[in-house]
Amino acid sequence: MFRHLVLILVFVFVARGDESCDRKEMEDTICSLCTQRKRNHLGGTGKQVAFFAYMSKNMKTNTFSRHKIFVYDRIEINVGNGYDVRSGKFTAPESGVYVFHTSTVALDKSHCIVEVVQNGVVKDIGWADAMDHRDRASASTMTILQLKKGDVVNSRVGNYFGGNYMESNAYNRMSFSGFKLL
């Protein structure tokens, strides 16, 4: 709305012949105003933030415990350095709207509920469930969250899990990723 109002005013002045600056200056002014508006509205600087991490090997479910945080040990990208490979936690480097995705694969009579958690509060849940058959079952989540700088998001084992393995190999990958949308 604000951008449209500025553009309308710019066009009115140009059409009337009251142009006091050249086109480049007007474009720079409009871009500057839009950037300021985004910063004020979202509380962030508009910097890019994105990460993608996955597990390098299958995980035995007998190593799980309720609410154990998944640590995705291979990082493909970590723009903004929000993801910590040691803890499995993403810490928001700035305020804004973020999108998170998890991918989980249960293998041969295994199952696991995966929770997406913000500051200790469950925000989304997926259940990879191959509990009653010998095959693969996958689950994924996509979660949009409003974060403040310093908020922590992670994925963890939920209330129910069991069987043999969660699969992450050449056929499937367990992954955790996210990016700043606004």
N, C-alpha and C. Protein backbone atom coordinates (compact mmCIF):
# COMPACT_ATOMS: atom_id res chain seq x y z
N MET A 1 0.84 -1.19 0.00
CA MET A 1 0.00 0.00 0.00
C MET A 1 0.88 1.25 0.00
N PHE A 2 1.85 1.29 0.91
CA PHE A 2 2.74 2.44 1.02
C PHE A 2 3.51 2.66 -0.27
N ARG A 3 4.01 1.58 -0.86
CA ARG A 3 4.77 1.66 -2.10
C ARG A 3 3.90 2.26 -3.21
N HIS A 4 2.63 1.81 -3.28
CA HIS A 4 1.74 2.31 -4.32
C HIS A 4 1.46 3.80 -4.14
N LEU A 5 1.30 4.23 -2.89
CA LEU A 5 1.06 5.64 -2.61
C LEU A 5 2.26 6.48 -3.04
N VAL A 6 3.46 6.02 -2.73
CA VAL A 6 4.67 6.75 -3.12
C VAL A 6 4.77 6.82 -4.64
N LEU A 7 4.50 5.71 -5.30
CA LEU A 7 4.57 5.70 -6.77
C LEU A 7 3.55 6.65 -7.38
N ILE A 8 2.35 6.68 -6.82
CA ILE A 8 1.31 7.59 -7.33
C ILE A 8 1.76 9.04 -7.16
N LEU A 9 2.29 9.38 -6.00
CA LEU A 9 2.76 10.75 -5.76
C LEU A 9 3.89 11.11 -6.71
N VAL A 10 4.82 10.18 -6.93
CA VAL A 10 5.92 10.44 -7.85
C VAL A 10 5.38 10.69 -9.25
N PHE A 11 4.45 9.88 -9.70
CA PHE A 11 3.90 10.06 -11.03
C PHE A 11 3.11 11.37 -11.16
N VAL A 12 2.40 11.77 -10.10
CA VAL A 12 1.67 13.04 -10.13
C VAL A 12 2.64 14.20 -10.31
N PHE A 13 3.73 14.22 -9.55
CA PHE A 13 4.70 15.30 -9.68
C PHE A 13 5.36 15.31 -11.05
N VAL A 14 5.68 14.13 -11.57
CA VAL A 14 6.32 14.05 -12.89
C VAL A 14 5.35 14.53 -13.96
N ALA A 15 4.08 14.12 -13.86
CA ALA A 15 3.08 14.50 -14.86
C ALA A 15 2.83 16.01 -14.83
N ARG A 16 2.91 16.63 -13.66
CA ARG A 16 2.68 18.06 -13.56
C ARG A 16 3.92 18.86 -13.95
N GLY A 17 5.02 18.18 -14.06
CA GLY A 17 6.25 18.89 -14.42
C GLY A 17 7.00 19.42 -13.22
N ASP A 18 6.61 18.99 -11.99
CA ASP A 18 7.27 19.46 -10.77
C ASP A 18 8.45 18.58 -10.40
N GLU A 19 9.04 17.92 -11.36
CA GLU A 19 10.14 17.00 -11.08
C GLU A 19 11.34 17.78 -10.56
N SER A 20 11.74 17.44 -9.33
CA SER A 20 12.86 18.15 -8.73
C SER A 20 14.10 17.28 -8.69
N CYS A 21 14.01 16.03 -9.16
CA CYS A 21 15.17 15.15 -9.21
C CYS A 21 15.04 14.22 -10.41
N ASP A 22 16.10 13.57 -10.75
CA ASP A 22 16.04 12.69 -11.90
C ASP A 22 15.45 11.32 -11.51
N ARG A 23 15.23 10.50 -12.51
CA ARG A 23 14.58 9.19 -12.31
C ARG A 23 15.37 8.31 -11.34
N LYS A 24 16.67 8.28 -11.45
CA LYS A 24 17.53 7.45 -10.58
C LYS A 24 17.35 7.86 -9.12
N GLU A 25 17.32 9.15 -8.84
CA GLU A 25 17.13 9.63 -7.47
C GLU A 25 15.76 9.20 -6.93
N MET A 26 14.73 9.27 -7.78
CA MET A 26 13.39 8.86 -7.35
C MET A 26 13.36 7.37 -7.02
N GLU A 27 13.97 6.57 -7.89
CA GLU A 27 14.00 5.13 -7.63
C GLU A 27 14.75 4.82 -6.34
N ASP A 28 15.86 5.48 -6.13
CA ASP A 28 16.64 5.28 -4.90
C ASP A 28 15.83 5.67 -3.67
N THR A 29 15.10 6.76 -3.77
CA THR A 29 14.27 7.22 -2.66
C THR A 29 13.17 6.22 -2.34
N ILE A 30 12.50 5.72 -3.37
CA ILE A 30 11.43 4.74 -3.18
C ILE A 30 11.98 3.47 -2.56
N CYS A 31 13.11 2.98 -3.07
CA CYS A 31 13.73 1.76 -2.51
C CYS A 31 14.12 1.97 -1.06
N SER A 32 14.65 3.13 -0.74
CA SER A 32 15.06 3.44 0.62
C SER A 32 13.84 3.45 1.55
N LEU A 33 12.75 4.05 1.12
CA LEU A 33 11.54 4.09 1.94
C LEU A 33 10.96 2.70 2.16
N CYS A 34 10.98 1.87 1.12
CA CYS A 34 10.48 0.50 1.26
C CYS A 34 11.33 -0.29 2.24
N THR A 35 12.64 -0.15 2.17
CA THR A 35 13.54 -0.85 3.08
C THR A 35 13.30 -0.41 4.52
N GLN A 36 13.14 0.90 4.73
CA GLN A 36 12.87 1.41 6.08
C GLN A 36 11.55 0.86 6.61
N ARG A 37 10.54 0.79 5.76
CA ARG A 37 9.24 0.28 6.16
C ARG A 37 9.35 -1.19 6.58
N LYS A 38 10.08 -1.99 5.81
CA LYS A 38 10.26 -3.40 6.14
C LYS A 38 10.97 -3.55 7.48
N ARG A 39 12.00 -2.77 7.72
CA ARG A 39 12.74 -2.84 8.97
C ARG A 39 11.83 -2.50 10.15
N ASN A 40 11.08 -1.41 10.01
CA ASN A 40 10.21 -0.97 11.10
C ASN A 40 9.09 -1.97 11.36
N HIS A 41 8.53 -2.53 10.29
CA HIS A 41 7.40 -3.44 10.42
C HIS A 41 7.82 -4.78 11.00
N LEU A 42 8.96 -5.31 10.60
CA LEU A 42 9.36 -6.65 11.00
C LEU A 42 10.38 -6.69 12.12
N GLY A 43 11.01 -5.59 12.41
CA GLY A 43 11.99 -5.56 13.47
C GLY A 43 13.34 -6.13 13.08
N GLY A 44 13.55 -6.43 11.81
CA GLY A 44 14.81 -7.00 11.34
C GLY A 44 15.52 -6.07 10.39
N THR A 45 16.66 -6.51 9.91
CA THR A 45 17.46 -5.69 9.00
C THR A 45 17.25 -6.08 7.55
N GLY A 46 16.51 -7.14 7.29
CA GLY A 46 16.29 -7.58 5.92
C GLY A 46 17.43 -8.43 5.38
N LYS A 47 18.36 -8.88 6.25
CA LYS A 47 19.46 -9.72 5.81
C LYS A 47 18.94 -11.14 5.53
N GLN A 48 19.63 -11.82 4.62
CA GLN A 48 19.24 -13.18 4.28
C GLN A 48 19.69 -14.17 5.37
N VAL A 49 18.82 -15.14 5.64
CA VAL A 49 19.12 -16.20 6.58
C VAL A 49 18.56 -17.49 5.97
N ALA A 50 19.39 -18.53 5.89
CA ALA A 50 18.93 -19.82 5.36
C ALA A 50 19.89 -20.91 5.80
N PHE A 51 19.35 -22.10 6.06
CA PHE A 51 20.20 -23.24 6.39
C PHE A 51 19.57 -24.53 5.90
N PHE A 52 20.41 -25.51 5.63
CA PHE A 52 19.98 -26.86 5.27
C PHE A 52 20.98 -27.83 5.88
N ALA A 53 20.49 -28.71 6.75
CA ALA A 53 21.35 -29.70 7.40
C ALA A 53 20.65 -31.06 7.34
N TYR A 54 21.46 -32.12 7.28
CA TYR A 54 20.89 -33.46 7.25
C TYR A 54 21.76 -34.42 8.06
N MET A 55 21.22 -35.60 8.32
CA MET A 55 21.97 -36.62 9.06
C MET A 55 22.76 -37.46 8.07
N SER A 56 24.01 -37.73 8.42
CA SER A 56 24.90 -38.44 7.50
C SER A 56 24.74 -39.96 7.54
N LYS A 57 23.97 -40.48 8.51
CA LYS A 57 23.80 -41.94 8.61
C LYS A 57 22.48 -42.27 9.29
N ASN A 58 22.09 -43.54 9.16
CA ASN A 58 20.88 -44.02 9.83
C ASN A 58 21.03 -43.86 11.33
N MET A 59 19.89 -43.73 12.01
CA MET A 59 19.90 -43.61 13.47
C MET A 59 19.13 -44.77 14.08
N LYS A 60 19.72 -45.44 15.04
CA LYS A 60 19.03 -46.51 15.76
C LYS A 60 18.04 -45.88 16.74
N THR A 61 16.82 -46.36 16.72
CA THR A 61 15.80 -45.79 17.61
C THR A 61 16.07 -46.14 19.07
N ASN A 62 16.88 -47.17 19.33
CA ASN A 62 17.17 -47.49 20.74
C ASN A 62 18.10 -46.45 21.38
N THR A 63 18.60 -45.50 20.58
CA THR A 63 19.39 -44.39 21.13
C THR A 63 18.51 -43.18 21.43
N PHE A 64 17.22 -43.27 21.12
CA PHE A 64 16.30 -42.16 21.32
C PHE A 64 15.79 -42.11 22.75
N SER A 65 15.40 -40.94 23.14
CA SER A 65 14.64 -40.74 24.37
C SER A 65 13.63 -39.64 24.06
N ARG A 66 12.58 -39.62 24.83
CA ARG A 66 11.54 -38.60 24.62
C ARG A 66 12.17 -37.22 24.72
N HIS A 67 11.91 -36.39 23.72
CA HIS A 67 12.35 -35.01 23.60
C HIS A 67 13.85 -34.85 23.32
N LYS A 68 14.51 -35.92 22.91
CA LYS A 68 15.91 -35.81 22.48
C LYS A 68 15.96 -34.96 21.21
N ILE A 69 16.82 -33.97 21.20
CA ILE A 69 16.95 -33.08 20.04
C ILE A 69 17.72 -33.79 18.94
N PHE A 70 17.17 -33.75 17.73
CA PHE A 70 17.89 -34.30 16.59
C PHE A 70 19.03 -33.36 16.24
N VAL A 71 20.22 -33.93 16.07
CA VAL A 71 21.38 -33.15 15.64
C VAL A 71 21.72 -33.58 14.23
N TYR A 72 21.48 -32.70 13.29
CA TYR A 72 21.76 -32.95 11.88
C TYR A 72 23.21 -32.55 11.64
N ASP A 73 24.06 -33.54 11.38
CA ASP A 73 25.50 -33.33 11.43
C ASP A 73 26.16 -32.85 10.14
N ARG A 74 25.44 -32.80 9.05
CA ARG A 74 26.02 -32.32 7.79
C ARG A 74 25.30 -31.03 7.37
N ILE A 75 26.07 -29.98 7.20
CA ILE A 75 25.50 -28.70 6.79
C ILE A 75 25.84 -28.44 5.33
N GLU A 76 24.82 -28.21 4.53
CA GLU A 76 25.02 -27.84 3.13
C GLU A 76 25.13 -26.33 2.97
N ILE A 77 24.32 -25.61 3.76
CA ILE A 77 24.31 -24.15 3.69
C ILE A 77 23.91 -23.62 5.07
N ASN A 78 24.50 -22.49 5.46
CA ASN A 78 24.18 -21.90 6.76
C ASN A 78 24.39 -20.39 6.68
N VAL A 79 23.63 -19.73 5.82
CA VAL A 79 23.72 -18.29 5.65
C VAL A 79 23.17 -17.61 6.90
N GLY A 80 23.97 -16.80 7.53
CA GLY A 80 23.59 -16.14 8.77
C GLY A 80 24.04 -16.90 10.01
N ASN A 81 24.58 -18.10 9.82
CA ASN A 81 25.12 -18.93 10.91
C ASN A 81 24.12 -19.18 12.04
N GLY A 82 22.85 -19.38 11.69
CA GLY A 82 21.84 -19.62 12.71
C GLY A 82 21.80 -21.05 13.22
N TYR A 83 22.20 -22.02 12.37
CA TYR A 83 22.15 -23.43 12.78
C TYR A 83 23.45 -23.85 13.44
N ASP A 84 23.33 -24.50 14.61
CA ASP A 84 24.50 -24.99 15.34
C ASP A 84 24.57 -26.50 15.22
N VAL A 85 25.58 -27.00 14.50
CA VAL A 85 25.72 -28.42 14.24
C VAL A 85 26.03 -29.23 15.50
N ARG A 86 26.51 -28.60 16.54
CA ARG A 86 26.80 -29.30 17.79
C ARG A 86 25.54 -29.58 18.60
N SER A 87 24.62 -28.64 18.60
CA SER A 87 23.41 -28.78 19.43
C SER A 87 22.17 -29.18 18.64
N GLY A 88 22.17 -28.96 17.31
CA GLY A 88 20.99 -29.23 16.50
C GLY A 88 19.97 -28.11 16.56
N LYS A 89 20.35 -26.98 17.15
CA LYS A 89 19.41 -25.87 17.34
C LYS A 89 19.68 -24.75 16.35
N PHE A 90 18.58 -24.11 15.91
CA PHE A 90 18.67 -22.90 15.10
C PHE A 90 18.33 -21.74 16.02
N THR A 91 19.20 -20.73 16.04
CA THR A 91 18.95 -19.52 16.82
C THR A 91 18.78 -18.36 15.84
N ALA A 92 17.63 -17.69 15.90
CA ALA A 92 17.34 -16.61 14.96
C ALA A 92 18.34 -15.47 15.11
N PRO A 93 19.11 -15.16 14.04
CA PRO A 93 20.06 -14.07 14.12
C PRO A 93 19.39 -12.70 14.10
N GLU A 94 18.12 -12.68 13.68
CA GLU A 94 17.34 -11.44 13.70
C GLU A 94 15.86 -11.77 13.69
N SER A 95 15.05 -10.81 14.03
CA SER A 95 13.60 -11.00 14.08
C SER A 95 13.03 -11.10 12.68
N GLY A 96 11.92 -11.82 12.56
CA GLY A 96 11.24 -11.93 11.27
C GLY A 96 10.35 -13.15 11.20
N VAL A 97 9.82 -13.38 10.01
CA VAL A 97 9.00 -14.55 9.73
C VAL A 97 9.90 -15.59 9.06
N TYR A 98 9.91 -16.80 9.62
CA TYR A 98 10.77 -17.88 9.13
C TYR A 98 9.93 -19.08 8.71
N VAL A 99 10.48 -19.84 7.77
CA VAL A 99 9.86 -21.09 7.32
C VAL A 99 10.83 -22.22 7.64
N PHE A 100 10.34 -23.29 8.29
CA PHE A 100 11.15 -24.45 8.64
C PHE A 100 10.57 -25.70 8.01
N HIS A 101 11.45 -26.62 7.65
CA HIS A 101 11.03 -27.88 7.04
C HIS A 101 11.80 -29.03 7.68
N THR A 102 11.10 -30.11 7.99
CA THR A 102 11.75 -31.34 8.43
C THR A 102 11.35 -32.47 7.50
N SER A 103 12.25 -33.41 7.35
CA SER A 103 11.99 -34.63 6.59
C SER A 103 12.49 -35.80 7.42
N THR A 104 11.63 -36.78 7.65
CA THR A 104 11.95 -37.91 8.51
C THR A 104 11.53 -39.19 7.81
N VAL A 105 12.36 -40.23 7.89
CA VAL A 105 12.05 -41.50 7.23
C VAL A 105 12.23 -42.65 8.23
N ALA A 106 11.17 -43.44 8.41
CA ALA A 106 11.23 -44.63 9.25
C ALA A 106 11.44 -45.84 8.35
N LEU A 107 12.26 -46.80 8.80
CA LEU A 107 12.61 -47.96 7.98
C LEU A 107 12.25 -49.26 8.70
N ASP A 108 11.53 -50.14 8.00
CA ASP A 108 11.26 -51.51 8.43
C ASP A 108 10.81 -51.64 9.89
N LYS A 109 9.51 -51.50 10.07
CA LYS A 109 8.87 -51.66 11.38
C LYS A 109 9.38 -50.68 12.43
N SER A 110 9.68 -49.48 11.98
CA SER A 110 10.11 -48.41 12.88
C SER A 110 9.14 -47.25 12.78
N HIS A 111 9.17 -46.38 13.76
CA HIS A 111 8.32 -45.19 13.73
C HIS A 111 8.89 -44.14 14.67
N CYS A 112 8.56 -42.89 14.39
CA CYS A 112 9.00 -41.80 15.27
C CYS A 112 8.16 -40.56 15.02
N ILE A 113 7.68 -39.98 16.08
CA ILE A 113 7.04 -38.67 16.01
C ILE A 113 8.16 -37.63 16.12
N VAL A 114 8.11 -36.66 15.23
CA VAL A 114 9.09 -35.56 15.23
C VAL A 114 8.35 -34.27 15.51
N GLU A 115 8.84 -33.52 16.48
CA GLU A 115 8.22 -32.25 16.86
C GLU A 115 9.13 -31.09 16.44
N VAL A 116 8.53 -30.04 15.92
CA VAL A 116 9.23 -28.78 15.66
C VAL A 116 8.90 -27.88 16.85
N VAL A 117 9.96 -27.39 17.50
CA VAL A 117 9.80 -26.70 18.78
C VAL A 117 10.41 -25.30 18.71
N GLN A 118 9.67 -24.31 19.20
CA GLN A 118 10.16 -22.93 19.31
C GLN A 118 10.24 -22.58 20.78
N ASN A 119 11.43 -22.29 21.27
CA ASN A 119 11.64 -21.92 22.67
C ASN A 119 10.97 -22.90 23.63
N GLY A 120 11.07 -24.20 23.31
CA GLY A 120 10.52 -25.23 24.18
C GLY A 120 9.05 -25.55 23.98
N VAL A 121 8.37 -24.84 23.08
CA VAL A 121 6.94 -25.05 22.83
C VAL A 121 6.75 -25.74 21.48
N VAL A 122 6.02 -26.86 21.47
CA VAL A 122 5.77 -27.60 20.23
C VAL A 122 4.90 -26.76 19.30
N LYS A 123 5.38 -26.59 18.06
CA LYS A 123 4.66 -25.81 17.05
C LYS A 123 4.12 -26.66 15.91
N ASP A 124 4.76 -27.81 15.64
CA ASP A 124 4.31 -28.69 14.56
C ASP A 124 4.75 -30.12 14.88
N ILE A 125 4.05 -31.10 14.29
CA ILE A 125 4.33 -32.51 14.55
C ILE A 125 4.20 -33.30 13.26
N GLY A 126 5.11 -34.25 13.06
CA GLY A 126 5.02 -35.21 11.96
C GLY A 126 5.29 -36.60 12.52
N TRP A 127 4.74 -37.64 11.85
CA TRP A 127 4.95 -39.00 12.33
C TRP A 127 5.31 -39.90 11.16
N ALA A 128 6.56 -40.32 11.10
CA ALA A 128 7.00 -41.30 10.12
C ALA A 128 6.69 -42.67 10.71
N ASP A 129 5.74 -43.39 10.09
CA ASP A 129 5.19 -44.58 10.72
C ASP A 129 5.23 -45.80 9.78
N ALA A 130 6.28 -46.62 9.93
CA ALA A 130 6.38 -47.91 9.26
C ALA A 130 6.33 -49.01 10.32
N MET A 131 5.62 -48.73 11.40
CA MET A 131 5.60 -49.58 12.58
C MET A 131 5.08 -50.99 12.28
N ASP A 132 4.09 -51.11 11.42
CA ASP A 132 3.47 -52.43 11.21
C ASP A 132 3.83 -53.07 9.87
N HIS A 133 4.89 -52.59 9.21
CA HIS A 133 5.28 -53.20 7.94
C HIS A 133 6.78 -52.99 7.66
N ARG A 134 7.29 -53.86 6.80
CA ARG A 134 8.70 -53.77 6.41
C ARG A 134 8.77 -52.94 5.13
N ASP A 135 9.03 -51.68 5.30
CA ASP A 135 9.16 -50.75 4.18
C ASP A 135 9.57 -49.41 4.76
N ARG A 136 9.51 -48.39 3.94
CA ARG A 136 9.82 -47.04 4.40
C ARG A 136 8.53 -46.24 4.55
N ALA A 137 8.55 -45.34 5.50
CA ALA A 137 7.46 -44.37 5.65
C ALA A 137 8.11 -43.03 5.96
N SER A 138 7.68 -42.02 5.24
CA SER A 138 8.28 -40.70 5.47
C SER A 138 7.23 -39.71 5.95
N ALA A 139 7.73 -38.71 6.62
CA ALA A 139 6.88 -37.61 7.08
C ALA A 139 7.67 -36.32 6.92
N SER A 140 6.96 -35.26 6.62
CA SER A 140 7.62 -33.96 6.55
C SER A 140 6.71 -32.91 7.16
N THR A 141 7.33 -31.84 7.59
CA THR A 141 6.58 -30.71 8.13
C THR A 141 7.07 -29.44 7.45
N MET A 142 6.20 -28.47 7.33
CA MET A 142 6.58 -27.12 6.92
C MET A 142 5.89 -26.18 7.89
N THR A 143 6.68 -25.43 8.61
CA THR A 143 6.17 -24.63 9.72
C THR A 143 6.60 -23.18 9.55
N ILE A 144 5.66 -22.27 9.59
CA ILE A 144 5.94 -20.83 9.47
C ILE A 144 5.82 -20.23 10.86
N LEU A 145 6.91 -19.57 11.29
CA LEU A 145 6.95 -19.02 12.65
C LEU A 145 7.41 -17.56 12.66
N GLN A 146 6.83 -16.78 13.52
CA GLN A 146 7.28 -15.41 13.79
C GLN A 146 8.32 -15.51 14.90
N LEU A 147 9.57 -15.13 14.62
CA LEU A 147 10.63 -15.24 15.61
C LEU A 147 11.18 -13.86 15.98
N LYS A 148 11.63 -13.77 17.21
CA LYS A 148 12.39 -12.61 17.67
C LYS A 148 13.85 -13.00 17.64
N LYS A 149 14.72 -12.04 17.52
CA LYS A 149 16.15 -12.32 17.56
C LYS A 149 16.47 -13.12 18.82
N GLY A 150 17.20 -14.22 18.66
CA GLY A 150 17.57 -15.06 19.79
C GLY A 150 16.63 -16.22 20.06
N ASP A 151 15.44 -16.24 19.43
CA ASP A 151 14.54 -17.39 19.59
C ASP A 151 15.21 -18.64 19.05
N VAL A 152 14.91 -19.79 19.67
CA VAL A 152 15.53 -21.06 19.30
C VAL A 152 14.48 -22.01 18.74
N VAL A 153 14.81 -22.63 17.59
CA VAL A 153 13.94 -23.62 16.96
C VAL A 153 14.76 -24.89 16.74
N ASN A 154 14.16 -26.05 17.03
CA ASN A 154 14.82 -27.32 16.79
C ASN A 154 13.77 -28.38 16.50
N SER A 155 14.23 -29.53 16.06
CA SER A 155 13.32 -30.67 15.93
C SER A 155 13.78 -31.72 16.93
N ARG A 156 12.82 -32.46 17.46
CA ARG A 156 13.16 -33.43 18.50
C ARG A 156 12.24 -34.64 18.40
N VAL A 157 12.62 -35.69 19.12
CA VAL A 157 11.82 -36.90 19.22
C VAL A 157 10.56 -36.57 20.03
N GLY A 158 9.42 -37.03 19.52
CA GLY A 158 8.15 -36.79 20.21
C GLY A 158 7.85 -37.87 21.24
N ASN A 159 6.57 -38.02 21.54
CA ASN A 159 6.14 -38.94 22.60
C ASN A 159 6.24 -40.41 22.21
N TYR A 160 6.17 -40.74 20.91
CA TYR A 160 6.16 -42.13 20.50
C TYR A 160 7.26 -42.40 19.48
N PHE A 161 8.00 -43.48 19.69
CA PHE A 161 9.05 -43.91 18.77
C PHE A 161 9.35 -45.37 19.07
N GLY A 162 9.94 -46.05 18.10
CA GLY A 162 10.31 -47.43 18.34
C GLY A 162 10.74 -48.12 17.07
N GLY A 163 11.08 -49.37 17.18
CA GLY A 163 11.53 -50.15 16.04
C GLY A 163 13.04 -50.18 15.96
N ASN A 164 13.57 -50.12 14.74
CA ASN A 164 15.00 -50.28 14.53
C ASN A 164 15.71 -49.01 14.11
N TYR A 165 15.33 -48.46 12.95
CA TYR A 165 16.11 -47.37 12.36
C TYR A 165 15.25 -46.25 11.81
N MET A 166 15.79 -45.07 11.91
CA MET A 166 15.32 -43.93 11.11
C MET A 166 16.36 -43.82 10.00
N GLU A 167 15.90 -43.71 8.78
CA GLU A 167 16.80 -43.81 7.63
C GLU A 167 17.32 -42.45 7.16
N SER A 168 18.63 -42.40 6.96
CA SER A 168 19.28 -41.24 6.36
C SER A 168 20.54 -41.76 5.68
N ASN A 169 20.45 -41.94 4.36
CA ASN A 169 21.54 -42.53 3.60
C ASN A 169 21.41 -42.14 2.13
N ALA A 170 21.89 -42.99 1.24
CA ALA A 170 21.86 -42.70 -0.20
C ALA A 170 20.44 -42.74 -0.78
N TYR A 171 19.47 -43.30 -0.05
CA TYR A 171 18.11 -43.43 -0.54
C TYR A 171 17.17 -42.35 -0.01
N ASN A 172 17.37 -41.97 1.22
CA ASN A 172 16.53 -40.96 1.88
C ASN A 172 17.39 -40.18 2.87
N ARG A 173 16.95 -38.99 3.17
CA ARG A 173 17.68 -38.18 4.16
C ARG A 173 16.73 -37.60 5.18
N MET A 174 17.16 -37.70 6.42
CA MET A 174 16.48 -36.94 7.47
C MET A 174 17.11 -35.55 7.45
N SER A 175 16.27 -34.53 7.35
CA SER A 175 16.83 -33.18 7.22
C SER A 175 16.02 -32.16 7.99
N PHE A 176 16.68 -31.04 8.23
CA PHE A 176 16.09 -29.89 8.91
C PHE A 176 16.60 -28.67 8.17
N SER A 177 15.69 -27.81 7.76
CA SER A 177 16.10 -26.62 7.01
C SER A 177 15.17 -25.47 7.33
N GLY A 178 15.62 -24.27 7.00
CA GLY A 178 14.79 -23.10 7.23
C GLY A 178 15.37 -21.88 6.56
N PHE A 179 14.51 -20.88 6.43
CA PHE A 179 14.96 -19.60 5.85
C PHE A 179 14.07 -18.48 6.36
N LYS A 180 14.60 -17.28 6.30
CA LYS A 180 13.84 -16.09 6.69
C LYS A 180 13.03 -15.65 5.50
N LEU A 181 11.74 -15.57 5.68
CA LEU A 181 10.83 -15.18 4.60
C LEU A 181 10.69 -13.66 4.55
N LEU A 182 10.43 -13.04 5.70
CA LEU A 182 10.23 -11.58 5.78
C LEU A 182 10.99 -11.02 6.96
